[in-house]
Amino acid sequence: MNTEPLNPGILVLKGEFTQDNTHEFRQLLSEFAEDNKHIDLDVSLITFFDSASLGVLVAFNRILKEVGGSVRIINPKPYLKTLFALTNLDKHFQIIETP
């Protein structure tokens, strides 16, 4: 798991997101949200994303929505788009594909 903040509100996620690093992922999102109520997660460089990481993302989205914020998923690979569709999370997250 690796991350790189870009512009304000944009966080690039890289590598594998597994049960082994969910605590780190949760902490990272919380720290990033201190300065950003609306967050764009560029997931184009994720190589693996398991259900534990998905759970962290869902919980984080719920917290942000409670305070008027949002999480958008940017440039998901086909397997992530399928994961979001199969779990109906594509109805809870705005998914954006850029050229």
C-alpha atoms as a PDB file:
ATOM      1  CA  MET A   1       0.000   0.000   0.000  1.00  0.00           C
ATOM      2  CA  ASN A   2       1.295   3.392  -0.993  1.00  0.00           C
ATOM      3  CA  THR A   3      -0.345   6.766  -1.340  1.00  0.00           C
ATOM      4  CA  GLU A   4       0.454  10.102  -2.831  1.00  0.00           C
ATOM      5  CA  PRO A   5      -1.522  13.296  -2.265  1.00  0.00           C
ATOM      6  CA  LEU A   6      -1.908  15.279  -5.464  1.00  0.00           C
ATOM      7  CA  ASN A   7      -3.972  18.429  -5.474  1.00  0.00           C
ATOM      8  CA  PRO A   8      -6.088  19.281  -2.459  1.00  0.00           C
ATOM      9  CA  GLY A   9      -8.767  16.641  -2.140  1.00  0.00           C
ATOM     10  CA  ILE A  10      -7.110  14.121  -4.484  1.00  0.00           C
ATOM     11  CA  LEU A  11      -5.358  11.079  -3.080  1.00  0.00           C
ATOM     12  CA  VAL A  12      -3.667   8.515  -5.339  1.00  0.00           C
ATOM     13  CA  LEU A  13      -3.757   4.974  -3.970  1.00  0.00           C
ATOM     14  CA  LYS A  14      -1.068   2.556  -5.144  1.00  0.00           C
ATOM     15  CA  GLY A  15      -0.312  -1.117  -4.666  1.00  0.00           C
ATOM     16  CA  GLU A  16      -2.102  -3.761  -2.626  1.00  0.00           C
ATOM     17  CA  PHE A  17      -4.802  -2.973  -0.085  1.00  0.00           C
ATOM     18  CA  THR A  18      -5.347  -6.006   2.132  1.00  0.00           C
ATOM     19  CA  GLN A  19      -6.497  -6.955   5.599  1.00  0.00           C
ATOM     20  CA  ASP A  20      -2.875  -6.591   6.701  1.00  0.00           C
ATOM     21  CA  ASN A  21      -2.866  -2.836   6.085  1.00  0.00           C
ATOM     22  CA  THR A  22      -6.477  -1.811   6.832  1.00  0.00           C
ATOM     23  CA  HIS A  23      -5.451   0.016  10.013  1.00  0.00           C
ATOM     24  CA  GLU A  24      -2.932   2.066   8.053  1.00  0.00           C
ATOM     25  CA  PHE A  25      -5.506   2.708   5.307  1.00  0.00           C
ATOM     26  CA  ARG A  26      -8.112   3.845   7.853  1.00  0.00           C
ATOM     27  CA  GLN A  27      -5.614   6.160   9.528  1.00  0.00           C
ATOM     28  CA  LEU A  28      -4.490   7.616   6.210  1.00  0.00           C
ATOM     29  CA  LEU A  29      -8.049   8.409   5.148  1.00  0.00           C
ATOM     30  CA  SER A  30      -8.818   9.997   8.513  1.00  0.00           C
ATOM     31  CA  GLU A  31      -5.743  12.211   8.371  1.00  0.00           C
ATOM     32  CA  PHE A  32      -6.463  13.231   4.795  1.00  0.00           C
ATOM     33  CA  ALA A  33     -10.062  14.088   5.720  1.00  0.00           C
ATOM     34  CA  GLU A  34      -8.882  16.561   8.361  1.00  0.00           C
ATOM     35  CA  ASP A  35      -8.117  19.005   5.544  1.00  0.00           C
ATOM     36  CA  ASN A  36     -10.539  17.723   2.887  1.00  0.00           C
ATOM     37  CA  LYS A  37     -14.271  17.151   3.290  1.00  0.00           C
ATOM     38  CA  HIS A  38     -14.662  16.077  -0.347  1.00  0.00           C
ATOM     39  CA  ILE A  39     -12.133  13.462  -1.402  1.00  0.00           C
ATOM     40  CA  ASP A  40     -11.287  12.031  -4.804  1.00  0.00           C
ATOM     41  CA  LEU A  41      -9.518   8.680  -4.592  1.00  0.00           C
ATOM     42  CA  ASP A  42      -7.552   7.879  -7.734  1.00  0.00           C
ATOM     43  CA  VAL A  43      -7.527   4.088  -7.664  1.00  0.00           C
ATOM     44  CA  SER A  44      -5.962   3.513 -11.080  1.00  0.00           C
ATOM     45  CA  LEU A  45      -2.700   2.226  -9.575  1.00  0.00           C
ATOM     46  CA  ILE A  46      -4.241  -0.268  -7.135  1.00  0.00           C
ATOM     47  CA  THR A  47      -3.126  -3.827  -7.895  1.00  0.00           C
ATOM     48  CA  PHE A  48      -5.267  -5.601  -5.266  1.00  0.00           C
ATOM     49  CA  PHE A  49      -8.185  -4.472  -3.094  1.00  0.00           C
ATOM     50  CA  ASP A  50      -9.786  -6.965  -0.716  1.00  0.00           C
ATOM     51  CA  SER A  51     -13.085  -6.958   1.166  1.00  0.00           C
ATOM     52  CA  ALA A  52     -11.498  -5.650   4.386  1.00  0.00           C
ATOM     53  CA  SER A  53     -10.226  -2.596   2.514  1.00  0.00           C
ATOM     54  CA  LEU A  54     -13.616  -2.188   0.894  1.00  0.00           C
ATOM     55  CA  GLY A  55     -15.150  -2.175   4.371  1.00  0.00           C
ATOM     56  CA  VAL A  56     -12.790   0.615   5.441  1.00  0.00           C
ATOM     57  CA  LEU A  57     -13.793   2.623   2.383  1.00  0.00           C
ATOM     58  CA  VAL A  58     -17.524   2.119   3.027  1.00  0.00           C
ATOM     59  CA  ALA A  59     -17.215   3.158   6.685  1.00  0.00           C
ATOM     60  CA  PHE A  60     -15.161   6.199   5.738  1.00  0.00           C
ATOM     61  CA  ASN A  61     -17.699   7.227   3.102  1.00  0.00           C
ATOM     62  CA  ARG A  62     -20.492   6.972   5.674  1.00  0.00           C
ATOM     63  CA  ILE A  63     -18.583   9.184   8.129  1.00  0.00           C
ATOM     64  CA  LEU A  64     -17.897  11.831   5.503  1.00  0.00           C
ATOM     65  CA  LYS A  65     -21.512  11.847   4.315  1.00  0.00           C
ATOM     66  CA  GLU A  66     -22.661  12.496   7.895  1.00  0.00           C
ATOM     67  CA  VAL A  67     -20.724  15.781   7.858  1.00  0.00           C
ATOM     68  CA  GLY A  68     -21.739  16.768   4.322  1.00  0.00           C
ATOM     69  CA  GLY A  69     -18.663  15.361   2.622  1.00  0.00           C
ATOM     70  CA  SER A  70     -18.157  12.848  -0.153  1.00  0.00           C
ATOM     71  CA  VAL A  71     -15.784  10.286  -1.603  1.00  0.00           C
ATOM     72  CA  ARG A  72     -15.458   9.861  -5.362  1.00  0.00           C
ATOM     73  CA  ILE A  73     -13.676   6.919  -6.979  1.00  0.00           C
ATOM     74  CA  ILE A  74     -11.498   7.996  -9.892  1.00  0.00           C
ATOM     75  CA  ASN A  75     -10.278   5.747 -12.739  1.00  0.00           C
ATOM     76  CA  PRO A  76     -11.029   2.283 -11.360  1.00  0.00           C
ATOM     77  CA  LYS A  77      -9.662  -0.702 -13.263  1.00  0.00           C
ATOM     78  CA  PRO A  78     -12.283  -3.090 -14.661  1.00  0.00           C
ATOM     79  CA  TYR A  79     -12.017  -5.509 -11.708  1.00  0.00           C
ATOM     80  CA  LEU A  80     -12.698  -2.666  -9.245  1.00  0.00           C
ATOM     81  CA  LYS A  81     -15.663  -1.446 -11.276  1.00  0.00           C
ATOM     82  CA  THR A  82     -17.017  -5.002 -11.204  1.00  0.00           C
ATOM     83  CA  LEU A  83     -16.440  -5.239  -7.444  1.00  0.00           C
ATOM     84  CA  PHE A  84     -18.350  -2.000  -6.860  1.00  0.00           C
ATOM     85  CA  ALA A  85     -21.181  -3.154  -9.147  1.00  0.00           C
ATOM     86  CA  LEU A  86     -21.488  -6.634  -7.591  1.00  0.00           C
ATOM     87  CA  THR A  87     -21.665  -5.150  -4.095  1.00  0.00           C
ATOM     88  CA  ASN A  88     -24.034  -2.351  -5.206  1.00  0.00           C
ATOM     89  CA  LEU A  89     -21.517   0.193  -3.979  1.00  0.00           C
ATOM     90  CA  ASP A  90     -21.637   1.880  -7.367  1.00  0.00           C
ATOM     91  CA  LYS A  91     -24.892   3.343  -6.017  1.00  0.00           C
ATOM     92  CA  HIS A  92     -23.109   4.830  -2.977  1.00  0.00           C
ATOM     93  CA  PHE A  93     -19.951   6.160  -4.594  1.00  0.00           C
ATOM     94  CA  GLN A  94     -19.646   8.417  -7.585  1.00  0.00           C
ATOM     95  CA  ILE A  95     -17.324   6.635  -9.998  1.00  0.00           C
ATOM     96  CA  ILE A  96     -15.510   8.802 -12.504  1.00  0.00           C
ATOM     97  CA  GLU A  97     -13.364   7.751 -15.438  1.00  0.00           C
ATOM     98  CA  THR A  98     -11.052  10.322 -16.973  1.00  0.00           C
ATOM     99  CA  PRO A  99      -9.214   9.940 -20.267  1.00  0.00           C
END
